[in-house]
N, C-alpha and C. Protein backbone atom coordinates (compact mmCIF):
# COMPACT_ATOMS: atom_id res chain seq x y z
N UNK A 1 11.71 -3.25 22.22
CA UNK A 1 12.05 -2.89 23.58
C UNK A 1 12.42 -1.39 23.67
N UNK A 2 13.16 -0.90 22.69
CA UNK A 2 13.56 0.50 22.72
C UNK A 2 12.34 1.40 22.54
N UNK A 3 11.42 1.01 21.68
CA UNK A 3 10.20 1.80 21.48
C UNK A 3 9.39 1.87 22.77
N UNK A 4 9.30 0.76 23.48
CA UNK A 4 8.59 0.73 24.77
C UNK A 4 9.28 1.65 25.77
N UNK A 5 10.61 1.63 25.77
CA UNK A 5 11.38 2.49 26.67
C UNK A 5 11.14 3.96 26.34
N UNK A 6 11.10 4.30 25.05
CA UNK A 6 10.83 5.69 24.67
C UNK A 6 9.45 6.13 25.16
N UNK A 7 8.49 5.22 25.15
CA UNK A 7 7.17 5.52 25.71
C UNK A 7 7.26 5.77 27.22
N UNK A 8 8.05 4.95 27.91
CA UNK A 8 8.23 5.11 29.35
C UNK A 8 8.85 6.47 29.68
N UNK A 9 9.76 6.93 28.84
CA UNK A 9 10.42 8.21 29.09
C UNK A 9 9.45 9.39 29.04
N UNK A 10 8.31 9.21 28.38
CA UNK A 10 7.33 10.28 28.29
C UNK A 10 6.72 10.63 29.66
N UNK A 11 6.92 9.76 30.64
CA UNK A 11 6.43 10.04 31.99
C UNK A 11 7.23 11.15 32.67
N UNK A 12 8.47 11.35 32.22
CA UNK A 12 9.30 12.42 32.77
C UNK A 12 8.88 13.75 32.16
N UNK A 13 8.99 14.81 32.93
CA UNK A 13 8.66 16.13 32.41
C UNK A 13 9.61 16.50 31.28
N UNK A 14 9.11 17.21 30.26
CA UNK A 14 10.02 17.68 29.20
C UNK A 14 11.13 18.54 29.80
N UNK A 15 12.32 18.36 29.30
CA UNK A 15 13.46 19.12 29.81
C UNK A 15 14.21 18.43 30.93
N UNK A 16 13.67 17.32 31.43
CA UNK A 16 14.36 16.56 32.46
C UNK A 16 15.65 16.01 31.87
N UNK A 17 16.79 16.23 32.53
CA UNK A 17 18.07 15.78 31.97
C UNK A 17 18.10 14.30 31.59
N UNK A 18 17.57 13.45 32.44
CA UNK A 18 17.57 12.01 32.14
C UNK A 18 16.76 11.73 30.87
N UNK A 19 15.59 12.32 30.79
CA UNK A 19 14.73 12.09 29.62
C UNK A 19 15.40 12.56 28.34
N UNK A 20 15.96 13.76 28.36
CA UNK A 20 16.59 14.30 27.16
C UNK A 20 17.76 13.43 26.70
N UNK A 21 18.63 13.06 27.62
CA UNK A 21 19.81 12.28 27.26
C UNK A 21 19.42 10.89 26.77
N UNK A 22 18.54 10.22 27.49
CA UNK A 22 18.19 8.85 27.13
C UNK A 22 17.34 8.79 25.87
N UNK A 23 16.56 9.84 25.58
CA UNK A 23 15.85 9.89 24.30
C UNK A 23 16.85 9.94 23.15
N UNK A 24 17.90 10.76 23.29
CA UNK A 24 18.92 10.85 22.25
C UNK A 24 19.59 9.50 22.04
N UNK A 25 20.01 8.88 23.12
CA UNK A 25 20.70 7.59 23.04
C UNK A 25 19.78 6.53 22.43
N UNK A 26 18.55 6.45 22.90
CA UNK A 26 17.63 5.42 22.45
C UNK A 26 17.24 5.61 20.99
N UNK A 27 17.00 6.85 20.58
CA UNK A 27 16.65 7.10 19.17
C UNK A 27 17.83 6.77 18.26
N UNK A 28 19.03 7.06 18.72
CA UNK A 28 20.22 6.72 17.94
C UNK A 28 20.34 5.21 17.78
N UNK A 29 20.15 4.48 18.87
CA UNK A 29 20.22 3.02 18.81
C UNK A 29 19.14 2.45 17.91
N UNK A 30 17.94 2.99 18.01
CA UNK A 30 16.83 2.51 17.19
C UNK A 30 17.11 2.75 15.71
N UNK A 31 17.66 3.90 15.39
CA UNK A 31 18.01 4.21 14.01
C UNK A 31 19.05 3.22 13.48
N UNK A 32 20.04 2.90 14.30
CA UNK A 32 21.06 1.93 13.90
C UNK A 32 20.44 0.56 13.67
N UNK A 33 19.57 0.14 14.57
CA UNK A 33 18.94 -1.18 14.43
C UNK A 33 18.06 -1.27 13.19
N UNK A 34 17.43 -0.16 12.83
CA UNK A 34 16.56 -0.16 11.65
C UNK A 34 17.35 -0.05 10.34
N UNK A 35 18.59 0.40 10.43
CA UNK A 35 19.37 0.65 9.22
C UNK A 35 19.91 -0.62 8.57
N UNK A 36 20.07 -1.68 9.31
CA UNK A 36 20.64 -2.92 8.76
C UNK A 36 20.27 -4.12 9.64
N UNK A 37 20.36 -5.29 9.04
CA UNK A 37 20.14 -6.52 9.80
C UNK A 37 21.46 -7.23 10.08
N UNK A 38 22.56 -6.69 9.58
CA UNK A 38 23.88 -7.28 9.78
C UNK A 38 24.36 -7.01 11.20
N UNK A 39 24.46 -8.06 12.00
CA UNK A 39 24.82 -7.94 13.42
C UNK A 39 26.18 -7.27 13.60
N UNK A 40 27.15 -7.63 12.77
CA UNK A 40 28.49 -7.05 12.89
C UNK A 40 28.48 -5.56 12.59
N UNK A 41 27.69 -5.16 11.60
CA UNK A 41 27.58 -3.74 11.26
C UNK A 41 26.89 -2.97 12.40
N UNK A 42 25.86 -3.56 12.96
CA UNK A 42 25.15 -2.93 14.09
C UNK A 42 26.11 -2.74 15.26
N UNK A 43 26.83 -3.79 15.60
CA UNK A 43 27.77 -3.71 16.73
C UNK A 43 28.86 -2.69 16.48
N UNK A 44 29.32 -2.58 15.23
CA UNK A 44 30.33 -1.59 14.89
C UNK A 44 29.77 -0.18 15.04
N UNK A 45 28.54 0.04 14.56
CA UNK A 45 27.91 1.36 14.68
C UNK A 45 27.60 1.72 16.13
N UNK A 46 27.36 0.72 16.95
CA UNK A 46 27.09 0.96 18.37
C UNK A 46 28.37 1.24 19.16
N UNK A 47 29.50 1.20 18.49
CA UNK A 47 30.76 1.44 19.18
C UNK A 47 31.31 0.16 19.78
N UNK A 48 31.18 -0.91 19.02
CA UNK A 48 31.67 -2.22 19.45
C UNK A 48 30.97 -2.76 20.69
N UNK A 49 29.73 -2.36 20.88
CA UNK A 49 28.89 -2.94 21.93
C UNK A 49 28.18 -4.14 21.31
N UNK A 50 28.22 -5.25 21.98
CA UNK A 50 27.53 -6.43 21.46
C UNK A 50 26.03 -6.27 21.63
N UNK A 51 25.29 -6.87 20.71
CA UNK A 51 23.82 -6.80 20.75
C UNK A 51 23.30 -7.26 22.10
N UNK A 52 23.84 -8.35 22.60
CA UNK A 52 23.39 -8.90 23.89
C UNK A 52 23.62 -7.90 25.02
N UNK A 53 24.74 -7.20 24.96
CA UNK A 53 25.06 -6.20 25.97
C UNK A 53 24.09 -5.03 25.89
N UNK A 54 23.75 -4.61 24.67
CA UNK A 54 22.80 -3.52 24.50
C UNK A 54 21.43 -3.91 25.05
N UNK A 55 21.01 -5.14 24.80
CA UNK A 55 19.73 -5.62 25.32
C UNK A 55 19.74 -5.60 26.84
N UNK A 56 20.82 -6.07 27.43
CA UNK A 56 20.94 -6.08 28.89
C UNK A 56 20.90 -4.65 29.44
N UNK A 57 21.61 -3.73 28.79
CA UNK A 57 21.61 -2.33 29.23
C UNK A 57 20.21 -1.74 29.12
N UNK A 58 19.49 -2.08 28.05
CA UNK A 58 18.14 -1.56 27.86
C UNK A 58 17.20 -2.09 28.94
N UNK A 59 17.34 -3.35 29.29
CA UNK A 59 16.52 -3.93 30.37
C UNK A 59 16.80 -3.22 31.69
N UNK A 60 18.06 -2.92 31.95
CA UNK A 60 18.41 -2.21 33.19
C UNK A 60 17.81 -0.81 33.21
N UNK A 61 17.83 -0.12 32.07
CA UNK A 61 17.25 1.22 32.01
C UNK A 61 15.74 1.17 32.25
N UNK A 62 15.08 0.13 31.74
CA UNK A 62 13.64 -0.01 31.96
C UNK A 62 13.33 -0.16 33.45
N UNK A 63 14.19 -0.88 34.15
CA UNK A 63 14.00 -1.07 35.59
C UNK A 63 14.28 0.21 36.37
N UNK A 64 15.09 1.08 35.83
CA UNK A 64 15.49 2.30 36.51
C UNK A 64 14.41 3.38 36.48
N UNK A 65 13.57 3.38 35.47
CA UNK A 65 12.56 4.43 35.29
C UNK A 65 11.70 4.66 36.54
N UNK A 66 11.09 3.65 37.14
CA UNK A 66 10.24 3.91 38.31
C UNK A 66 11.00 4.56 39.48
N UNK A 67 12.24 4.16 39.68
CA UNK A 67 13.03 4.73 40.77
C UNK A 67 13.34 6.20 40.51
N UNK A 68 13.71 6.52 39.29
CA UNK A 68 14.02 7.91 38.96
C UNK A 68 12.78 8.79 39.02
N UNK A 69 11.64 8.25 38.60
CA UNK A 69 10.40 9.02 38.69
C UNK A 69 10.06 9.34 40.14
N UNK A 70 10.35 8.42 41.02
CA UNK A 70 10.07 8.63 42.45
C UNK A 70 11.09 9.57 43.10
N UNK A 71 12.37 9.34 42.85
CA UNK A 71 13.42 10.07 43.55
C UNK A 71 13.76 11.43 42.95
N UNK A 72 13.61 11.58 41.64
CA UNK A 72 13.92 12.82 40.92
C UNK A 72 15.25 13.42 41.37
N UNK A 73 16.35 12.72 41.13
CA UNK A 73 17.65 13.17 41.63
C UNK A 73 18.14 14.48 41.03
N UNK A 74 17.52 14.96 39.97
CA UNK A 74 17.94 16.21 39.34
C UNK A 74 17.29 17.43 39.99
N UNK A 75 16.34 17.23 40.90
CA UNK A 75 15.67 18.35 41.55
C UNK A 75 16.39 18.75 42.84
N UNK A 76 16.28 20.03 43.17
CA UNK A 76 16.82 20.54 44.43
C UNK A 76 15.75 20.29 45.50
N UNK A 77 16.12 19.53 46.53
CA UNK A 77 15.15 19.22 47.58
C UNK A 77 15.27 20.16 48.78
N UNK A 78 16.42 20.79 48.92
CA UNK A 78 16.57 21.82 49.94
C UNK A 78 17.70 22.74 49.51
N UNK A 79 17.88 23.84 50.22
CA UNK A 79 18.85 24.85 49.79
C UNK A 79 20.30 24.43 49.98
N UNK A 80 20.55 23.32 50.66
CA UNK A 80 21.92 22.91 50.95
C UNK A 80 22.47 21.89 49.95
N UNK A 81 21.64 21.40 49.09
CA UNK A 81 22.09 20.38 48.15
C UNK A 81 21.84 20.82 46.71
N UNK A 82 22.81 20.61 45.87
CA UNK A 82 22.64 20.88 44.45
C UNK A 82 22.02 19.65 43.79
N UNK A 83 21.30 19.85 42.69
CA UNK A 83 20.74 18.69 42.01
C UNK A 83 21.85 17.84 41.40
N UNK A 84 21.58 16.57 41.31
CA UNK A 84 22.52 15.63 40.73
C UNK A 84 22.56 15.88 39.23
N UNK A 85 23.71 16.26 38.70
CA UNK A 85 23.81 16.67 37.30
C UNK A 85 24.54 15.70 36.41
N UNK A 86 24.30 14.44 36.56
CA UNK A 86 25.01 13.44 35.77
C UNK A 86 24.82 13.65 34.28
N UNK A 87 23.62 14.00 33.84
CA UNK A 87 23.35 14.10 32.41
C UNK A 87 23.42 15.53 31.91
N UNK A 88 23.48 16.51 32.78
CA UNK A 88 23.38 17.89 32.35
C UNK A 88 24.60 18.40 31.60
N UNK A 89 25.75 17.74 31.74
CA UNK A 89 26.95 18.24 31.08
C UNK A 89 27.29 17.49 29.80
N UNK A 90 26.39 16.65 29.34
CA UNK A 90 26.62 15.89 28.12
C UNK A 90 25.98 16.63 26.95
N UNK A 91 26.74 16.89 25.88
CA UNK A 91 26.18 17.65 24.74
C UNK A 91 25.08 16.91 24.03
């Protein structure tokens, strides 16, 4: 599922805040999942997130992609509004 999501993220232009942040998060999760089959170790490395919760979050992110591609909340649409910078301040 994470690999499919990483493919979906390729639809966003390079440098898009959402794409950059979610690629980091998804690659980190994928690395953790590949490192061990021990569920407790995976959940500990995920920051005490349960596997089921991570799956649910991943499904939600997959549903979000089409909306973000359409709305592009990080772009300036007129001179009176600043782009939505939810992901731009995360290292």
